[in-house]
Amino acid sequence: MRRVLFALTLAPLALGACTLEGMPADPKQPRIEQIGTCFLYVTEEGNGKYSVTSGVGDGSRNPLGTVKRGLSAESTDALWAKERAIMDINPECLAIYATDRTQARPAPAPAPVETAKK
């Protein structure tokens, strides 16, 4: 019984430590899966290149968005500023989730490709 109570106590703490893009630690902040939340975030690709993802939440866990890849730091900042300014006047944006290049996370590593054995 103690083990069960211990596990039930630690599970929320462990899950709370995990954060995904678009999932802020504060539950009152906008999340990209919320309908009407405009999102804009930067991902670091490596070798000084970045990608910018933008879109509008449609209620799904992974809403569709536009991704522009292989951008330099200057191009990333310029695109981010342009898209962010549009969000301020877009009536479709009921809330805004935006992180810039200084908050960029590394892109996830691609899944290993399994080859068929001969």
N, C-alpha and C. Protein backbone atom coordinates (compact mmCIF):
# COMPACT_ATOMS: atom_id res chain seq x y z
N MET A 1 0.82 -1.19 0.00
CA MET A 1 0.00 0.00 0.00
C MET A 1 0.87 1.26 0.00
N ARG A 2 1.98 1.19 0.74
CA ARG A 2 2.87 2.34 0.79
C ARG A 2 3.45 2.64 -0.58
N ARG A 3 3.78 1.58 -1.32
CA ARG A 3 4.37 1.77 -2.65
C ARG A 3 3.38 2.44 -3.58
N VAL A 4 2.12 2.07 -3.48
CA VAL A 4 1.10 2.66 -4.33
C VAL A 4 0.94 4.14 -4.00
N LEU A 5 0.86 4.47 -2.72
CA LEU A 5 0.74 5.86 -2.32
C LEU A 5 1.96 6.67 -2.72
N PHE A 6 3.12 6.06 -2.59
CA PHE A 6 4.36 6.72 -2.98
C PHE A 6 4.36 7.01 -4.48
N ALA A 7 3.95 6.02 -5.27
CA ALA A 7 3.91 6.18 -6.72
C ALA A 7 2.88 7.24 -7.12
N LEU A 8 1.74 7.25 -6.47
CA LEU A 8 0.71 8.24 -6.78
C LEU A 8 1.14 9.65 -6.40
N THR A 9 1.99 9.76 -5.41
CA THR A 9 2.49 11.07 -4.99
C THR A 9 3.55 11.57 -5.96
N LEU A 10 4.42 10.70 -6.43
CA LEU A 10 5.52 11.11 -7.30
C LEU A 10 5.12 11.25 -8.77
N ALA A 11 4.11 10.56 -9.22
CA ALA A 11 3.72 10.60 -10.63
C ALA A 11 3.40 12.02 -11.10
N PRO A 12 2.56 12.79 -10.39
CA PRO A 12 2.29 14.15 -10.86
C PRO A 12 3.54 15.03 -10.87
N LEU A 13 4.44 14.81 -9.94
CA LEU A 13 5.67 15.60 -9.91
C LEU A 13 6.54 15.28 -11.12
N ALA A 14 6.65 14.02 -11.45
CA ALA A 14 7.46 13.61 -12.60
C ALA A 14 6.85 14.11 -13.89
N LEU A 15 5.55 14.02 -14.03
CA LEU A 15 4.89 14.49 -15.24
C LEU A 15 4.94 16.01 -15.34
N GLY A 16 4.89 16.69 -14.22
CA GLY A 16 4.95 18.14 -14.21
C GLY A 16 6.30 18.67 -14.66
N ALA A 17 7.33 17.87 -14.52
CA ALA A 17 8.66 18.29 -14.92
C ALA A 17 8.84 18.22 -16.44
N CYS A 18 8.01 17.45 -17.11
CA CYS A 18 8.10 17.32 -18.56
C CYS A 18 7.36 18.47 -19.22
N THR A 19 8.01 19.12 -20.17
CA THR A 19 7.33 20.17 -20.92
C THR A 19 7.52 19.90 -22.40
N LEU A 20 6.48 20.13 -23.16
CA LEU A 20 6.53 20.01 -24.60
C LEU A 20 6.41 21.39 -25.20
N GLU A 21 6.79 21.52 -26.44
CA GLU A 21 6.63 22.81 -27.11
C GLU A 21 5.16 23.14 -27.15
N GLY A 22 4.83 24.35 -26.74
CA GLY A 22 3.44 24.77 -26.72
C GLY A 22 2.71 24.39 -25.46
N MET A 23 3.39 23.79 -24.52
CA MET A 23 2.79 23.37 -23.26
C MET A 23 3.48 24.10 -22.13
N PRO A 24 3.07 25.32 -21.82
CA PRO A 24 3.74 26.08 -20.76
C PRO A 24 3.51 25.46 -19.39
N ALA A 25 4.42 25.73 -18.49
CA ALA A 25 4.31 25.20 -17.13
C ALA A 25 3.09 25.77 -16.41
N ASP A 26 2.74 27.00 -16.72
CA ASP A 26 1.58 27.65 -16.10
C ASP A 26 0.32 27.28 -16.89
N PRO A 27 -0.62 26.58 -16.28
CA PRO A 27 -1.81 26.14 -17.01
C PRO A 27 -2.71 27.29 -17.48
N LYS A 28 -2.50 28.50 -16.98
CA LYS A 28 -3.31 29.64 -17.40
C LYS A 28 -2.80 30.27 -18.70
N GLN A 29 -1.59 29.91 -19.10
CA GLN A 29 -1.00 30.46 -20.32
C GLN A 29 -1.58 29.77 -21.56
N PRO A 30 -1.57 30.45 -22.72
CA PRO A 30 -2.08 29.84 -23.96
C PRO A 30 -1.29 28.59 -24.33
N ARG A 31 -1.99 27.62 -24.91
CA ARG A 31 -1.38 26.37 -25.38
C ARG A 31 -1.73 26.19 -26.85
N ILE A 32 -0.83 25.62 -27.63
CA ILE A 32 -1.05 25.53 -29.07
C ILE A 32 -2.19 24.60 -29.44
N GLU A 33 -2.59 23.71 -28.56
CA GLU A 33 -3.70 22.82 -28.92
C GLU A 33 -5.07 23.46 -28.65
N GLN A 34 -5.09 24.63 -28.07
CA GLN A 34 -6.35 25.33 -27.83
C GLN A 34 -6.84 25.97 -29.12
N ILE A 35 -8.12 25.86 -29.39
CA ILE A 35 -8.70 26.47 -30.58
C ILE A 35 -8.51 27.99 -30.51
N GLY A 36 -8.00 28.56 -31.60
CA GLY A 36 -7.82 30.00 -31.68
C GLY A 36 -6.52 30.53 -31.12
N THR A 37 -5.65 29.67 -30.62
CA THR A 37 -4.35 30.13 -30.14
C THR A 37 -3.37 30.17 -31.31
N CYS A 38 -2.90 31.35 -31.64
CA CYS A 38 -1.88 31.48 -32.67
C CYS A 38 -0.54 31.13 -32.04
N PHE A 39 0.23 30.30 -32.74
CA PHE A 39 1.52 29.89 -32.18
C PHE A 39 2.64 30.20 -33.16
N LEU A 40 3.79 30.50 -32.57
CA LEU A 40 4.98 30.86 -33.32
C LEU A 40 6.17 30.47 -32.45
N TYR A 41 6.97 29.53 -32.94
CA TYR A 41 8.15 29.15 -32.16
C TYR A 41 9.31 28.79 -33.07
N VAL A 42 10.50 28.89 -32.51
CA VAL A 42 11.74 28.65 -33.24
C VAL A 42 12.38 27.38 -32.70
N THR A 43 12.91 26.58 -33.63
CA THR A 43 13.62 25.36 -33.27
C THR A 43 15.03 25.46 -33.83
N GLU A 44 16.01 25.09 -33.01
CA GLU A 44 17.41 25.12 -33.45
C GLU A 44 17.72 23.83 -34.20
N GLU A 45 18.16 23.95 -35.45
CA GLU A 45 18.48 22.78 -36.27
C GLU A 45 19.94 22.35 -36.12
N GLY A 46 20.79 23.26 -35.65
CA GLY A 46 22.22 22.98 -35.56
C GLY A 46 22.96 23.70 -36.68
N ASN A 47 24.26 23.81 -36.57
CA ASN A 47 25.10 24.49 -37.55
C ASN A 47 24.65 25.92 -37.82
N GLY A 48 24.10 26.59 -36.80
CA GLY A 48 23.69 27.97 -36.95
C GLY A 48 22.40 28.16 -37.75
N LYS A 49 21.65 27.10 -37.98
CA LYS A 49 20.40 27.17 -38.74
C LYS A 49 19.21 26.95 -37.81
N TYR A 50 18.09 27.57 -38.17
CA TYR A 50 16.88 27.50 -37.36
C TYR A 50 15.67 27.23 -38.25
N SER A 51 14.60 26.76 -37.63
CA SER A 51 13.32 26.66 -38.32
C SER A 51 12.28 27.43 -37.50
N VAL A 52 11.33 28.01 -38.22
CA VAL A 52 10.26 28.79 -37.60
C VAL A 52 8.94 28.10 -37.91
N THR A 53 8.16 27.79 -36.89
CA THR A 53 6.87 27.14 -37.04
C THR A 53 5.78 28.10 -36.59
N SER A 54 4.75 28.24 -37.42
CA SER A 54 3.64 29.12 -37.06
C SER A 54 2.33 28.51 -37.51
N GLY A 55 1.26 28.87 -36.82
CA GLY A 55 -0.07 28.36 -37.18
C GLY A 55 -1.09 28.79 -36.15
N VAL A 56 -2.28 28.19 -36.26
CA VAL A 56 -3.37 28.48 -35.35
C VAL A 56 -3.89 27.17 -34.79
N GLY A 57 -4.03 27.09 -33.47
CA GLY A 57 -4.52 25.88 -32.83
C GLY A 57 -5.94 25.56 -33.28
N ASP A 58 -6.18 24.26 -33.55
CA ASP A 58 -7.49 23.82 -34.03
C ASP A 58 -8.17 22.85 -33.07
N GLY A 59 -7.60 22.70 -31.89
CA GLY A 59 -8.18 21.81 -30.91
C GLY A 59 -7.51 20.44 -30.86
N SER A 60 -6.64 20.14 -31.84
CA SER A 60 -5.93 18.86 -31.84
C SER A 60 -4.62 18.99 -31.06
N ARG A 61 -4.08 17.86 -30.64
CA ARG A 61 -2.84 17.87 -29.85
C ARG A 61 -1.66 18.42 -30.64
N ASN A 62 -1.60 18.13 -31.92
CA ASN A 62 -0.52 18.62 -32.79
C ASN A 62 -1.13 19.35 -33.99
N PRO A 63 -1.52 20.61 -33.81
CA PRO A 63 -2.14 21.34 -34.92
C PRO A 63 -1.17 21.56 -36.08
N LEU A 64 -1.73 21.64 -37.26
CA LEU A 64 -0.91 21.89 -38.44
C LEU A 64 -0.38 23.31 -38.42
N GLY A 65 0.81 23.47 -38.95
CA GLY A 65 1.40 24.79 -39.01
C GLY A 65 2.36 24.86 -40.19
N THR A 66 2.84 26.03 -40.46
CA THR A 66 3.81 26.25 -41.52
C THR A 66 5.19 26.23 -40.91
N VAL A 67 6.10 25.46 -41.52
CA VAL A 67 7.47 25.36 -41.03
C VAL A 67 8.41 25.87 -42.11
N LYS A 68 9.25 26.82 -41.76
CA LYS A 68 10.28 27.31 -42.67
C LYS A 68 11.62 26.89 -42.07
N ARG A 69 12.39 26.11 -42.83
CA ARG A 69 13.62 25.50 -42.33
C ARG A 69 14.87 26.13 -42.95
N GLY A 70 16.00 25.88 -42.29
CA GLY A 70 17.30 26.29 -42.82
C GLY A 70 17.55 27.77 -42.82
N LEU A 71 16.98 28.49 -41.86
CA LEU A 71 17.13 29.94 -41.80
C LEU A 71 18.34 30.34 -40.96
N SER A 72 18.99 31.41 -41.38
CA SER A 72 20.08 31.97 -40.58
C SER A 72 19.47 32.68 -39.37
N ALA A 73 20.30 33.09 -38.44
CA ALA A 73 19.82 33.79 -37.24
C ALA A 73 19.11 35.09 -37.62
N GLU A 74 19.69 35.84 -38.56
CA GLU A 74 19.09 37.11 -38.97
C GLU A 74 17.74 36.89 -39.66
N SER A 75 17.68 35.91 -40.56
CA SER A 75 16.43 35.60 -41.26
C SER A 75 15.37 35.11 -40.28
N THR A 76 15.79 34.33 -39.30
CA THR A 76 14.87 33.82 -38.28
C THR A 76 14.26 34.97 -37.50
N ASP A 77 15.11 35.89 -37.05
CA ASP A 77 14.62 37.03 -36.26
C ASP A 77 13.68 37.91 -37.08
N ALA A 78 14.01 38.14 -38.36
CA ALA A 78 13.17 38.98 -39.22
C ALA A 78 11.81 38.32 -39.47
N LEU A 79 11.82 37.02 -39.77
CA LEU A 79 10.57 36.30 -40.00
C LEU A 79 9.73 36.25 -38.73
N TRP A 80 10.38 36.01 -37.61
CA TRP A 80 9.66 35.94 -36.32
C TRP A 80 8.98 37.28 -36.03
N ALA A 81 9.70 38.38 -36.22
CA ALA A 81 9.15 39.71 -35.95
C ALA A 81 7.95 40.00 -36.86
N LYS A 82 8.06 39.62 -38.13
CA LYS A 82 6.97 39.84 -39.08
C LYS A 82 5.73 39.04 -38.68
N GLU A 83 5.93 37.75 -38.41
CA GLU A 83 4.81 36.88 -38.03
C GLU A 83 4.18 37.32 -36.71
N ARG A 84 5.00 37.74 -35.77
CA ARG A 84 4.49 38.18 -34.46
C ARG A 84 3.65 39.45 -34.61
N ALA A 85 4.07 40.37 -35.47
CA ALA A 85 3.30 41.59 -35.70
C ALA A 85 1.94 41.27 -36.33
N ILE A 86 1.92 40.29 -37.23
CA ILE A 86 0.66 39.88 -37.86
C ILE A 86 -0.29 39.31 -36.81
N MET A 87 0.24 38.55 -35.87
CA MET A 87 -0.60 37.95 -34.82
C MET A 87 -1.31 39.01 -33.99
N ASP A 88 -0.65 40.15 -33.79
CA ASP A 88 -1.26 41.22 -32.98
C ASP A 88 -2.51 41.81 -33.62
N ILE A 89 -2.61 41.76 -34.95
CA ILE A 89 -3.77 42.35 -35.62
C ILE A 89 -4.72 41.31 -36.21
N ASN A 90 -4.34 40.04 -36.16
CA ASN A 90 -5.16 38.98 -36.73
C ASN A 90 -6.35 38.68 -35.82
N PRO A 91 -7.59 38.87 -36.30
CA PRO A 91 -8.75 38.61 -35.44
C PRO A 91 -8.94 37.12 -35.13
N GLU A 92 -8.26 36.25 -35.88
CA GLU A 92 -8.35 34.81 -35.65
C GLU A 92 -7.58 34.40 -34.38
N CYS A 93 -6.64 35.24 -33.96
CA CYS A 93 -5.79 34.93 -32.79
C CYS A 93 -6.53 35.33 -31.50
N LEU A 94 -7.12 34.36 -30.85
CA LEU A 94 -7.79 34.61 -29.58
C LEU A 94 -6.78 34.66 -28.44
N ALA A 95 -5.65 33.98 -28.62
CA ALA A 95 -4.55 33.97 -27.67
C ALA A 95 -3.28 33.78 -28.49
N ILE A 96 -2.13 34.10 -27.90
CA ILE A 96 -0.86 33.99 -28.62
C ILE A 96 0.16 33.25 -27.77
N TYR A 97 0.79 32.23 -28.39
CA TYR A 97 1.92 31.52 -27.80
C TYR A 97 3.09 31.75 -28.74
N ALA A 98 4.10 32.49 -28.30
CA ALA A 98 5.25 32.80 -29.16
C ALA A 98 6.54 32.74 -28.37
N THR A 99 7.51 31.99 -28.91
CA THR A 99 8.84 31.97 -28.33
C THR A 99 9.83 32.30 -29.44
N ASP A 100 10.81 33.14 -29.14
CA ASP A 100 11.75 33.59 -30.16
C ASP A 100 13.02 32.75 -30.17
N ARG A 101 13.99 33.20 -30.95
CA ARG A 101 15.22 32.43 -31.14
C ARG A 101 15.99 32.25 -29.84
N THR A 102 15.90 33.21 -28.91
CA THR A 102 16.63 33.08 -27.65
C THR A 102 16.06 31.95 -26.79
N GLN A 103 14.84 31.54 -27.08
CA GLN A 103 14.19 30.45 -26.33
C GLN A 103 14.11 29.17 -27.15
N ALA A 104 14.84 29.12 -28.27
CA ALA A 104 14.76 27.97 -29.18
C ALA A 104 15.26 26.71 -28.52
N ARG A 105 14.57 25.64 -28.82
CA ARG A 105 14.98 24.31 -28.35
C ARG A 105 15.61 23.57 -29.52
N PRO A 106 16.49 22.63 -29.24
CA PRO A 106 17.05 21.84 -30.33
C PRO A 106 15.97 20.99 -30.99
N ALA A 107 16.10 20.80 -32.29
CA ALA A 107 15.15 19.94 -33.01
C ALA A 107 15.32 18.52 -32.51
N PRO A 108 14.23 17.75 -32.43
CA PRO A 108 14.35 16.36 -31.98
C PRO A 108 15.16 15.54 -32.98
N ALA A 109 15.89 14.60 -32.47
CA ALA A 109 16.68 13.72 -33.34
C ALA A 109 15.75 12.85 -34.16
N PRO A 110 16.09 12.61 -35.43
CA PRO A 110 15.23 11.76 -36.24
C PRO A 110 15.25 10.33 -35.74
N ALA A 111 14.15 9.65 -35.92
CA ALA A 111 14.05 8.25 -35.49
C ALA A 111 14.98 7.40 -36.34
N PRO A 112 15.60 6.41 -35.74
CA PRO A 112 16.49 5.55 -36.52
C PRO A 112 15.69 4.78 -37.57
N VAL A 113 16.30 4.62 -38.73
CA VAL A 113 15.66 3.88 -39.81
C VAL A 113 16.09 2.43 -39.71
N GLU A 114 15.12 1.57 -39.66
CA GLU A 114 15.42 0.14 -39.54
C GLU A 114 15.45 -0.44 -40.95
N THR A 115 16.55 -1.12 -41.27
CA THR A 115 16.67 -1.72 -42.59
C THR A 115 16.33 -3.20 -42.50
N ALA A 116 15.81 -3.71 -43.58
CA ALA A 116 15.46 -5.15 -43.63
C ALA A 116 16.74 -5.96 -43.75
N LYS A 117 16.79 -7.05 -43.02
CA LYS A 117 17.95 -7.94 -43.09
C LYS A 117 17.77 -8.89 -44.24
N LYS A 118 18.87 -9.15 -44.91
CA LYS A 118 18.82 -10.05 -46.08
C LYS A 118 19.09 -11.47 -45.68
